[in-house]
Amino acid sequence: MLACRRRRHLRVDGFSMAPTLMPGDRVLIRLLSDDAPLPTIDSLVVAWHPNKAETKMIKRLTSCNQGRLLLHGDNPSESSDSRQFGALERRHLIGVVTSIVR
């Protein structure tokens, strides 16, 4: 039962992660606690957007350095990511994508 509380489904909206994820795809995410190890580089992660309150985003983790995370979309022309808003603090990280459902 505890495992169910630590996982969530999320529906993909937008093309920022195309072709990896397309609008309408669903992903299963594993929620991360504040003290959990950081996901590995190249993982798909879910994070709070730093400039849009209550907006979640799915991005690829491209770098972790001193607790700061660089997140990038797989489709740069459609993505708002660390190229625009810079590195994120760990507190923005919500979870890691564990599976894609189409």
PDB file of N, CA and C in Angstrom:
ATOM      1  N   MET A   1       0.815  -1.196   0.000  1.00  0.00           N
ATOM      2  CA  MET A   1       0.000   0.000   0.000  1.00  0.00           C
ATOM      3  C   MET A   1       0.857   1.257   0.000  1.00  0.00           C
ATOM      4  N   LEU A   2       1.956   1.225   0.739  1.00  0.00           N
ATOM      5  CA  LEU A   2       2.849   2.368   0.782  1.00  0.00           C
ATOM      6  C   LEU A   2       3.385   2.690  -0.610  1.00  0.00           C
ATOM      7  N   ALA A   3       3.681   1.642  -1.403  1.00  0.00           N
ATOM      8  CA  ALA A   3       4.213   1.862  -2.743  1.00  0.00           C
ATOM      9  C   ALA A   3       3.231   2.645  -3.603  1.00  0.00           C
ATOM     10  N   CYS A   4       1.917   2.437  -3.422  1.00  0.00           N
ATOM     11  CA  CYS A   4       0.916   3.156  -4.201  1.00  0.00           C
ATOM     12  C   CYS A   4       0.952   4.655  -3.918  1.00  0.00           C
ATOM     13  N   ARG A   5       1.264   5.021  -2.685  1.00  0.00           N
ATOM     14  CA  ARG A   5       1.321   6.438  -2.342  1.00  0.00           C
ATOM     15  C   ARG A   5       2.556   7.112  -2.896  1.00  0.00           C
ATOM     16  N   ARG A   6       3.533   6.358  -3.254  1.00  0.00           N
ATOM     17  CA  ARG A   6       4.785   6.927  -3.730  1.00  0.00           C
ATOM     18  C   ARG A   6       4.852   6.963  -5.256  1.00  0.00           C
ATOM     19  N   ARG A   7       3.759   6.581  -5.928  1.00  0.00           N
ATOM     20  CA  ARG A   7       3.726   6.597  -7.393  1.00  0.00           C
ATOM     21  C   ARG A   7       2.498   7.381  -7.849  1.00  0.00           C
ATOM     22  N   ARG A   8       2.642   8.028  -8.969  1.00  0.00           N
ATOM     23  CA  ARG A   8       1.545   8.807  -9.542  1.00  0.00           C
ATOM     24  C   ARG A   8       1.559   8.657 -11.060  1.00  0.00           C
ATOM     25  N   HIS A   9       0.389   8.823 -11.643  1.00  0.00           N
ATOM     26  CA  HIS A   9       0.281   8.900 -13.091  1.00  0.00           C
ATOM     27  C   HIS A   9       0.253  10.375 -13.480  1.00  0.00           C
ATOM     28  N   LEU A  10       0.764  10.672 -14.651  1.00  0.00           N
ATOM     29  CA  LEU A  10       0.743  12.037 -15.159  1.00  0.00           C
ATOM     30  C   LEU A  10       0.515  11.961 -16.661  1.00  0.00           C
ATOM     31  N   ARG A  11      -0.336  12.824 -17.172  1.00  0.00           N
ATOM     32  CA  ARG A  11      -0.625  12.866 -18.608  1.00  0.00           C
ATOM     33  C   ARG A  11       0.275  13.895 -19.268  1.00  0.00           C
ATOM     34  N   VAL A  12       0.878  13.533 -20.401  1.00  0.00           N
ATOM     35  CA  VAL A  12       1.770  14.420 -21.128  1.00  0.00           C
ATOM     36  C   VAL A  12       0.950  15.417 -21.929  1.00  0.00           C
ATOM     37  N   ASP A  13       1.349  16.690 -21.829  1.00  0.00           N
ATOM     38  CA  ASP A  13       0.678  17.762 -22.551  1.00  0.00           C
ATOM     39  C   ASP A  13       1.765  18.600 -23.216  1.00  0.00           C
ATOM     40  N   GLY A  14       1.788  18.651 -24.515  1.00  0.00           N
ATOM     41  CA  GLY A  14       2.790  19.448 -25.207  1.00  0.00           C
ATOM     42  C   GLY A  14       3.848  18.583 -25.879  1.00  0.00           C
ATOM     43  N   PHE A  15       4.696  19.250 -26.676  1.00  0.00           N
ATOM     44  CA  PHE A  15       5.667  18.546 -27.510  1.00  0.00           C
ATOM     45  C   PHE A  15       7.111  18.729 -27.045  1.00  0.00           C
ATOM     46  N   SER A  16       7.329  19.221 -25.841  1.00  0.00           N
ATOM     47  CA  SER A  16       8.699  19.512 -25.415  1.00  0.00           C
ATOM     48  C   SER A  16       9.572  18.266 -25.285  1.00  0.00           C
ATOM     49  N   MET A  17       8.940  17.096 -25.132  1.00  0.00           N
ATOM     50  CA  MET A  17       9.738  15.871 -24.995  1.00  0.00           C
ATOM     51  C   MET A  17       9.599  14.954 -26.210  1.00  0.00           C
ATOM     52  N   ALA A  18       9.021  15.471 -27.306  1.00  0.00           N
ATOM     53  CA  ALA A  18       8.901  14.669 -28.526  1.00  0.00           C
ATOM     54  C   ALA A  18      10.300  14.400 -29.089  1.00  0.00           C
ATOM     55  N   PRO A  19      10.557  13.266 -29.637  1.00  0.00           N
ATOM     56  CA  PRO A  19       9.644  12.154 -29.899  1.00  0.00           C
ATOM     57  C   PRO A  19       9.545  11.144 -28.745  1.00  0.00           C
ATOM     58  N   THR A  20      10.270  11.369 -27.662  1.00  0.00           N
ATOM     59  CA  THR A  20      10.229  10.413 -26.554  1.00  0.00           C
ATOM     60  C   THR A  20       8.830  10.317 -25.961  1.00  0.00           C
ATOM     61  N   LEU A  21       8.201  11.465 -25.719  1.00  0.00           N
ATOM     62  CA  LEU A  21       6.848  11.522 -25.170  1.00  0.00           C
ATOM     63  C   LEU A  21       6.007  12.409 -26.058  1.00  0.00           C
ATOM     64  N   MET A  22       4.787  11.978 -26.309  1.00  0.00           N
ATOM     65  CA  MET A  22       3.875  12.734 -27.165  1.00  0.00           C
ATOM     66  C   MET A  22       2.634  13.117 -26.358  1.00  0.00           C
ATOM     67  N   PRO A  23       1.952  14.209 -26.779  1.00  0.00           N
ATOM     68  CA  PRO A  23       0.731  14.593 -26.068  1.00  0.00           C
ATOM     69  C   PRO A  23      -0.245  13.414 -25.961  1.00  0.00           C
ATOM     70  N   GLY A  24      -0.796  13.243 -24.789  1.00  0.00           N
ATOM     71  CA  GLY A  24      -1.724  12.144 -24.539  1.00  0.00           C
ATOM     72  C   GLY A  24      -1.065  10.921 -23.915  1.00  0.00           C
ATOM     73  N   ASP A  25       0.248  10.806 -24.059  1.00  0.00           N
ATOM     74  CA  ASP A  25       0.934   9.706 -23.380  1.00  0.00           C
ATOM     75  C   ASP A  25       0.742   9.865 -21.874  1.00  0.00           C
ATOM     76  N   ARG A  26       0.797   8.773 -21.184  1.00  0.00           N
ATOM     77  CA  ARG A  26       0.749   8.803 -19.719  1.00  0.00           C
ATOM     78  C   ARG A  26       2.043   8.213 -19.199  1.00  0.00           C
ATOM     79  N   VAL A  27       2.517   8.784 -18.112  1.00  0.00           N
ATOM     80  CA  VAL A  27       3.735   8.263 -17.501  1.00  0.00           C
ATOM     81  C   VAL A  27       3.440   7.923 -16.051  1.00  0.00           C
ATOM     82  N   LEU A  28       4.135   6.934 -15.577  1.00  0.00           N
ATOM     83  CA  LEU A  28       4.090   6.576 -14.161  1.00  0.00           C
ATOM     84  C   LEU A  28       5.335   7.164 -13.536  1.00  0.00           C
ATOM     85  N   ILE A  29       5.159   7.901 -12.458  1.00  0.00           N
ATOM     86  CA  ILE A  29       6.330   8.504 -11.798  1.00  0.00           C
ATOM     87  C   ILE A  29       6.458   7.964 -10.377  1.00  0.00           C
ATOM     88  N   ARG A  30       7.691   7.824  -9.957  1.00  0.00           N
ATOM     89  CA  ARG A  30       8.007   7.466  -8.573  1.00  0.00           C
ATOM     90  C   ARG A  30       8.360   8.755  -7.857  1.00  0.00           C
ATOM     91  N   LEU A  31       7.587   9.084  -6.834  1.00  0.00           N
ATOM     92  CA  LEU A  31       7.829  10.308  -6.082  1.00  0.00           C
ATOM     93  C   LEU A  31       9.130  10.185  -5.297  1.00  0.00           C
ATOM     94  N   LEU A  32       9.857  11.286  -5.210  1.00  0.00           N
ATOM     95  CA  LEU A  32      11.143  11.288  -4.503  1.00  0.00           C
ATOM     96  C   LEU A  32      11.033  12.111  -3.226  1.00  0.00           C
ATOM     97  N   SER A  33      11.533  11.564  -2.157  1.00  0.00           N
ATOM     98  CA  SER A  33      11.595  12.322  -0.907  1.00  0.00           C
ATOM     99  C   SER A  33      12.809  13.259  -0.970  1.00  0.00           C
ATOM    100  N   ASP A  34      12.851  14.196  -0.055  1.00  0.00           N
ATOM    101  CA  ASP A  34      13.949  15.169  -0.045  1.00  0.00           C
ATOM    102  C   ASP A  34      15.311  14.525   0.160  1.00  0.00           C
ATOM    103  N   ASP A  35      15.331  13.384   0.837  1.00  0.00           N
ATOM    104  CA  ASP A  35      16.615  12.750   1.117  1.00  0.00           C
ATOM    105  C   ASP A  35      16.919  11.559   0.190  1.00  0.00           C
ATOM    106  N   ALA A  36      16.082  11.331  -0.806  1.00  0.00           N
ATOM    107  CA  ALA A  36      16.325  10.235  -1.752  1.00  0.00           C
ATOM    108  C   ALA A  36      17.512  10.574  -2.648  1.00  0.00           C
ATOM    109  N   PRO A  37      18.234   9.554  -3.097  1.00  0.00           N
ATOM    110  CA  PRO A  37      19.323   9.817  -4.045  1.00  0.00           C
ATOM    111  C   PRO A  37      18.777  10.471  -5.311  1.00  0.00           C
ATOM    112  N   LEU A  38      19.562  11.325  -5.914  1.00  0.00           N
ATOM    113  CA  LEU A  38      19.140  11.967  -7.159  1.00  0.00           C
ATOM    114  C   LEU A  38      19.075  10.928  -8.275  1.00  0.00           C
ATOM    115  N   PRO A  39      18.151  11.103  -9.213  1.00  0.00           N
ATOM    116  CA  PRO A  39      18.108  10.195 -10.365  1.00  0.00           C
ATOM    117  C   PRO A  39      19.412  10.299 -11.163  1.00  0.00           C
ATOM    118  N   THR A  40      19.673   9.281 -11.939  1.00  0.00           N
ATOM    119  CA  THR A  40      20.891   9.291 -12.754  1.00  0.00           C
ATOM    120  C   THR A  40      20.729  10.269 -13.930  1.00  0.00           C
ATOM    121  N   ILE A  41      21.862  10.734 -14.406  1.00  0.00           N
ATOM    122  CA  ILE A  41      21.867  11.615 -15.578  1.00  0.00           C
ATOM    123  C   ILE A  41      21.180  10.882 -16.730  1.00  0.00           C
ATOM    124  N   ASP A  42      20.409  11.597 -17.503  1.00  0.00           N
ATOM    125  CA  ASP A  42      19.642  11.110 -18.653  1.00  0.00           C
ATOM    126  C   ASP A  42      18.277  10.542 -18.253  1.00  0.00           C
ATOM    127  N   SER A  43      17.953  10.545 -16.958  1.00  0.00           N
ATOM    128  CA  SER A  43      16.625  10.110 -16.518  1.00  0.00           C
ATOM    129  C   SER A  43      15.571  11.142 -16.916  1.00  0.00           C
ATOM    130  N   LEU A  44      14.354  10.663 -17.134  1.00  0.00           N
ATOM    131  CA  LEU A  44      13.218  11.569 -17.301  1.00  0.00           C
ATOM    132  C   LEU A  44      12.682  11.867 -15.914  1.00  0.00           C
ATOM    133  N   VAL A  45      12.541  13.151 -15.605  1.00  0.00           N
ATOM    134  CA  VAL A  45      12.101  13.542 -14.271  1.00  0.00           C
ATOM    135  C   VAL A  45      10.916  14.497 -14.379  1.00  0.00           C
ATOM    136  N   VAL A  46      10.187  14.612 -13.282  1.00  0.00           N
ATOM    137  CA  VAL A  46       9.085  15.568 -13.166  1.00  0.00           C
ATOM    138  C   VAL A  46       9.502  16.590 -12.121  1.00  0.00           C
ATOM    139  N   ALA A  47       9.323  17.869 -12.470  1.00  0.00           N
ATOM    140  CA  ALA A  47       9.733  18.942 -11.559  1.00  0.00           C
ATOM    141  C   ALA A  47       8.718  20.074 -11.624  1.00  0.00           C
ATOM    142  N   TRP A  48       8.710  20.885 -10.584  1.00  0.00           N
ATOM    143  CA  TRP A  48       7.898  22.109 -10.602  1.00  0.00           C
ATOM    144  C   TRP A  48       8.589  23.136 -11.481  1.00  0.00           C
ATOM    145  N   HIS A  49       7.819  23.789 -12.346  1.00  0.00           N
ATOM    146  CA  HIS A  49       8.377  24.850 -13.178  1.00  0.00           C
ATOM    147  C   HIS A  49       8.718  26.035 -12.263  1.00  0.00           C
ATOM    148  N   PRO A  50       9.922  26.590 -12.369  1.00  0.00           N
ATOM    149  CA  PRO A  50      10.320  27.648 -11.429  1.00  0.00           C
ATOM    150  C   PRO A  50       9.591  28.972 -11.633  1.00  0.00           C
ATOM    151  N   ASN A  51       9.019  29.192 -12.821  1.00  0.00           N
ATOM    152  CA  ASN A  51       8.379  30.477 -13.108  1.00  0.00           C
ATOM    153  C   ASN A  51       6.870  30.389 -13.296  1.00  0.00           C
ATOM    154  N   LYS A  52       6.323  29.197 -13.173  1.00  0.00           N
ATOM    155  CA  LYS A  52       4.881  29.010 -13.352  1.00  0.00           C
ATOM    156  C   LYS A  52       4.358  28.209 -12.168  1.00  0.00           C
ATOM    157  N   ALA A  53       3.753  28.899 -11.240  1.00  0.00           N
ATOM    158  CA  ALA A  53       3.279  28.254 -10.019  1.00  0.00           C
ATOM    159  C   ALA A  53       2.354  27.086 -10.334  1.00  0.00           C
ATOM    160  N   GLU A  54       2.554  25.996  -9.644  1.00  0.00           N
ATOM    161  CA  GLU A  54       1.735  24.795  -9.731  1.00  0.00           C
ATOM    162  C   GLU A  54       1.762  24.126 -11.101  1.00  0.00           C
ATOM    163  N   THR A  55       2.775  24.412 -11.922  1.00  0.00           N
ATOM    164  CA  THR A  55       2.923  23.745 -13.208  1.00  0.00           C
ATOM    165  C   THR A  55       4.039  22.711 -13.106  1.00  0.00           C
ATOM    166  N   LYS A  56       3.679  21.470 -13.449  1.00  0.00           N
ATOM    167  CA  LYS A  56       4.659  20.390 -13.465  1.00  0.00           C
ATOM    168  C   LYS A  56       5.196  20.252 -14.877  1.00  0.00           C
ATOM    169  N   MET A  57       6.451  19.843 -14.971  1.00  0.00           N
ATOM    170  CA  MET A  57       7.050  19.635 -16.288  1.00  0.00           C
ATOM    171  C   MET A  57       7.849  18.340 -16.274  1.00  0.00           C
ATOM    172  N   ILE A  58       7.882  17.688 -17.419  1.00  0.00           N
ATOM    173  CA  ILE A  58       8.690  16.483 -17.588  1.00  0.00           C
ATOM    174  C   ILE A  58       9.879  16.870 -18.454  1.00  0.00           C
ATOM    175  N   LYS A  59      11.070  16.591 -17.971  1.00  0.00           N
ATOM    176  CA  LYS A  59      12.301  16.929 -18.696  1.00  0.00           C
ATOM    177  C   LYS A  59      13.329  15.837 -18.477  1.00  0.00           C
ATOM    178  N   ARG A  60      14.405  15.930 -19.241  1.00  0.00           N
ATOM    179  CA  ARG A  60      15.518  15.008 -19.080  1.00  0.00           C
ATOM    180  C   ARG A  60      16.564  15.659 -18.175  1.00  0.00           C
ATOM    181  N   LEU A  61      17.011  14.912 -17.174  1.00  0.00           N
ATOM    182  CA  LEU A  61      18.057  15.400 -16.268  1.00  0.00           C
ATOM    183  C   LEU A  61      19.386  15.289 -16.993  1.00  0.00           C
ATOM    184  N   THR A  62      20.019  16.436 -17.231  1.00  0.00           N
ATOM    185  CA  THR A  62      21.262  16.415 -18.007  1.00  0.00           C
ATOM    186  C   THR A  62      22.496  16.680 -17.149  1.00  0.00           C
ATOM    187  N   SER A  63      22.309  17.205 -15.957  1.00  0.00           N
ATOM    188  CA  SER A  63      23.461  17.456 -15.093  1.00  0.00           C
ATOM    189  C   SER A  63      22.982  17.714 -13.667  1.00  0.00           C
ATOM    190  N   CYS A  64      23.757  17.238 -12.701  1.00  0.00           N
ATOM    191  CA  CYS A  64      23.533  17.574 -11.276  1.00  0.00           C
ATOM    192  C   CYS A  64      24.881  18.036 -10.752  1.00  0.00           C
ATOM    193  N   ASN A  65      24.911  19.244 -10.243  1.00  0.00           N
ATOM    194  CA  ASN A  65      26.162  19.752  -9.708  1.00  0.00           C
ATOM    195  C   ASN A  65      25.882  20.555  -8.460  1.00  0.00           C
ATOM    196  N   GLN A  66      26.407  20.102  -7.350  1.00  0.00           N
ATOM    197  CA  GLN A  66      26.246  20.771  -6.064  1.00  0.00           C
ATOM    198  C   GLN A  66      24.770  21.030  -5.754  1.00  0.00           C
ATOM    199  N   GLY A  67      23.947  20.009  -5.985  1.00  0.00           N
ATOM    200  CA  GLY A  67      22.538  20.106  -5.664  1.00  0.00           C
ATOM    201  C   GLY A  67      21.713  20.901  -6.660  1.00  0.00           C
ATOM    202  N   ARG A  68      22.310  21.395  -7.714  1.00  0.00           N
ATOM    203  CA  ARG A  68      21.581  22.141  -8.751  1.00  0.00           C
ATOM    204  C   ARG A  68      21.392  21.228  -9.956  1.00  0.00           C
ATOM    205  N   LEU A  69      20.197  21.272 -10.534  1.00  0.00           N
ATOM    206  CA  LEU A  69      19.815  20.346 -11.595  1.00  0.00           C
ATOM    207  C   LEU A  69      19.614  21.085 -12.904  1.00  0.00           C
ATOM    208  N   LEU A  70      20.186  20.547 -13.969  1.00  0.00           N
ATOM    209  CA  LEU A  70      19.908  21.062 -15.308  1.00  0.00           C
ATOM    210  C   LEU A  70      18.936  20.113 -15.979  1.00  0.00           C
ATOM    211  N   LEU A  71      17.825  20.670 -16.465  1.00  0.00           N
ATOM    212  CA  LEU A  71      16.774  19.881 -17.105  1.00  0.00           C
ATOM    213  C   LEU A  71      16.561  20.398 -18.515  1.00  0.00           C
ATOM    214  N   HIS A  72      16.488  19.482 -19.472  1.00  0.00           N
ATOM    215  CA  HIS A  72      16.291  19.867 -20.863  1.00  0.00           C
ATOM    216  C   HIS A  72      15.201  19.024 -21.506  1.00  0.00           C
ATOM    217  N   GLY A  73      14.466  19.631 -22.424  1.00  0.00           N
ATOM    218  CA  GLY A  73      13.495  18.902 -23.218  1.00  0.00           C
ATOM    219  C   GLY A  73      14.197  18.211 -24.375  1.00  0.00           C
ATOM    220  N   ASP A  74      13.609  17.122 -24.838  1.00  0.00           N
ATOM    221  CA  ASP A  74      14.186  16.404 -25.979  1.00  0.00           C
ATOM    222  C   ASP A  74      13.912  17.136 -27.289  1.00  0.00           C
ATOM    223  N   ASN A  75      12.985  18.081 -27.284  1.00  0.00           N
ATOM    224  CA  ASN A  75      12.627  18.839 -28.471  1.00  0.00           C
ATOM    225  C   ASN A  75      12.905  20.321 -28.180  1.00  0.00           C
ATOM    226  N   PRO A  76      14.157  20.768 -28.369  1.00  0.00           N
ATOM    227  CA  PRO A  76      14.557  22.114 -27.926  1.00  0.00           C
ATOM    228  C   PRO A  76      13.693  23.245 -28.467  1.00  0.00           C
ATOM    229  N   SER A  77      13.192  23.130 -29.691  1.00  0.00           N
ATOM    230  CA  SER A  77      12.403  24.232 -30.254  1.00  0.00           C
ATOM    231  C   SER A  77      11.042  24.388 -29.573  1.00  0.00           C
ATOM    232  N   GLU A  78      10.596  23.370 -28.839  1.00  0.00           N
ATOM    233  CA  GLU A  78       9.292  23.416 -28.175  1.00  0.00           C
ATOM    234  C   GLU A  78       9.404  23.399 -26.653  1.00  0.00           C
ATOM    235  N   SER A  79      10.631  23.480 -26.146  1.00  0.00           N
ATOM    236  CA  SER A  79      10.832  23.270 -24.723  1.00  0.00           C
ATOM    237  C   SER A  79      11.226  24.540 -23.970  1.00  0.00           C
ATOM    238  N   SER A  80      10.611  24.736 -22.829  1.00  0.00           N
ATOM    239  CA  SER A  80      11.056  25.725 -21.857  1.00  0.00           C
ATOM    240  C   SER A  80      11.809  24.929 -20.803  1.00  0.00           C
ATOM    241  N   ASP A  81      13.110  25.163 -20.690  1.00  0.00           N
ATOM    242  CA  ASP A  81      13.917  24.331 -19.805  1.00  0.00           C
ATOM    243  C   ASP A  81      15.091  25.124 -19.248  1.00  0.00           C
ATOM    244  N   SER A  82      16.123  24.453 -18.813  1.00  0.00           N
ATOM    245  CA  SER A  82      17.248  25.132 -18.153  1.00  0.00           C
ATOM    246  C   SER A  82      17.977  26.123 -19.062  1.00  0.00           C
ATOM    247  N   ARG A  83      17.769  26.024 -20.351  1.00  0.00           N
ATOM    248  CA  ARG A  83      18.366  27.048 -21.239  1.00  0.00           C
ATOM    249  C   ARG A  83      17.729  28.403 -20.983  1.00  0.00           C
ATOM    250  N   GLN A  84      16.467  28.419 -20.553  1.00  0.00           N
ATOM    251  CA  GLN A  84      15.779  29.680 -20.253  1.00  0.00           C
ATOM    252  C   GLN A  84      15.839  30.023 -18.764  1.00  0.00           C
ATOM    253  N   PHE A  85      15.564  29.051 -17.891  1.00  0.00           N
ATOM    254  CA  PHE A  85      15.444  29.379 -16.462  1.00  0.00           C
ATOM    255  C   PHE A  85      16.640  28.956 -15.623  1.00  0.00           C
ATOM    256  N   GLY A  86      17.648  28.364 -16.229  1.00  0.00           N
ATOM    257  CA  GLY A  86      18.846  28.002 -15.480  1.00  0.00           C
ATOM    258  C   GLY A  86      18.690  26.726 -14.668  1.00  0.00           C
ATOM    259  N   ALA A  87      19.636  26.520 -13.785  1.00  0.00           N
ATOM    260  CA  ALA A  87      19.630  25.313 -12.955  1.00  0.00           C
ATOM    261  C   ALA A  87      18.568  25.440 -11.866  1.00  0.00           C
ATOM    262  N   LEU A  88      17.973  24.318 -11.534  1.00  0.00           N
ATOM    263  CA  LEU A  88      16.941  24.278 -10.492  1.00  0.00           C
ATOM    264  C   LEU A  88      17.512  23.734  -9.201  1.00  0.00           C
ATOM    265  N   GLU A  89      16.923  24.161  -8.100  1.00  0.00           N
ATOM    266  CA  GLU A  89      17.266  23.576  -6.821  1.00  0.00           C
ATOM    267  C   GLU A  89      16.539  22.241  -6.692  1.00  0.00           C
ATOM    268  N   ARG A  90      17.093  21.382  -5.873  1.00  0.00           N
ATOM    269  CA  ARG A  90      16.523  20.053  -5.685  1.00  0.00           C
ATOM    270  C   ARG A  90      15.059  20.111  -5.229  1.00  0.00           C
ATOM    271  N   ARG A  91      14.689  21.135  -4.484  1.00  0.00           N
ATOM    272  CA  ARG A  91      13.314  21.217  -3.967  1.00  0.00           C
ATOM    273  C   ARG A  91      12.277  21.265  -5.092  1.00  0.00           C
ATOM    274  N   HIS A  92      12.683  21.574  -6.327  1.00  0.00           N
ATOM    275  CA  HIS A  92      11.759  21.583  -7.460  1.00  0.00           C
ATOM    276  C   HIS A  92      11.463  20.171  -7.977  1.00  0.00           C
ATOM    277  N   LEU A  93      12.326  19.219  -7.659  1.00  0.00           N
ATOM    278  CA  LEU A  93      12.184  17.859  -8.175  1.00  0.00           C
ATOM    279  C   LEU A  93      11.035  17.137  -7.483  1.00  0.00           C
ATOM    280  N   ILE A  94      10.132  16.550  -8.276  1.00  0.00           N
ATOM    281  CA  ILE A  94       8.978  15.828  -7.747  1.00  0.00           C
ATOM    282  C   ILE A  94       9.211  14.319  -7.807  1.00  0.00           C
ATOM    283  N   GLY A  95       9.669  13.834  -8.948  1.00  0.00           N
ATOM    284  CA  GLY A  95       9.830  12.391  -9.100  1.00  0.00           C
ATOM    285  C   GLY A  95      10.557  12.036 -10.380  1.00  0.00           C
ATOM    286  N   VAL A  96      10.660  10.734 -10.587  1.00  0.00           N
ATOM    287  CA  VAL A  96      11.335  10.218 -11.764  1.00  0.00           C
ATOM    288  C   VAL A  96      10.358   9.339 -12.536  1.00  0.00           C
ATOM    289  N   VAL A  97      10.371   9.448 -13.856  1.00  0.00           N
ATOM    290  CA  VAL A  97       9.488   8.652 -14.710  1.00  0.00           C
ATOM    291  C   VAL A  97       9.993   7.209 -14.715  1.00  0.00           C
ATOM    292  N   THR A  98       9.090   6.291 -14.397  1.00  0.00           N
ATOM    293  CA  THR A  98       9.480   4.881 -14.376  1.00  0.00           C
ATOM    294  C   THR A  98       8.926   4.099 -15.558  1.00  0.00           C
ATOM    295  N   SER A  99       7.848   4.590 -16.171  1.00  0.00           N
ATOM    296  CA  SER A  99       7.320   3.912 -17.350  1.00  0.00           C
ATOM    297  C   SER A  99       6.440   4.854 -18.160  1.00  0.00           C
ATOM    298  N   ILE A 100       6.331   4.544 -19.435  1.00  0.00           N
ATOM    299  CA  ILE A 100       5.510   5.317 -20.369  1.00  0.00           C
ATOM    300  C   ILE A 100       4.379   4.417 -20.834  1.00  0.00           C
ATOM    301  N   VAL A 101       3.149   4.955 -20.821  1.00  0.00           N
ATOM    302  CA  VAL A 101       1.983   4.190 -21.226  1.00  0.00           C
ATOM    303  C   VAL A 101       1.394   4.861 -22.457  1.00  0.00           C
ATOM    304  N   ARG A 102       1.267   4.098 -23.520  1.00  0.00           N
ATOM    305  CA  ARG A 102       0.677   4.654 -24.752  1.00  0.00           C
ATOM    306  C   ARG A 102      -0.590   3.921 -25.096  1.00  0.00           C
TER     307      ARG A 102
END
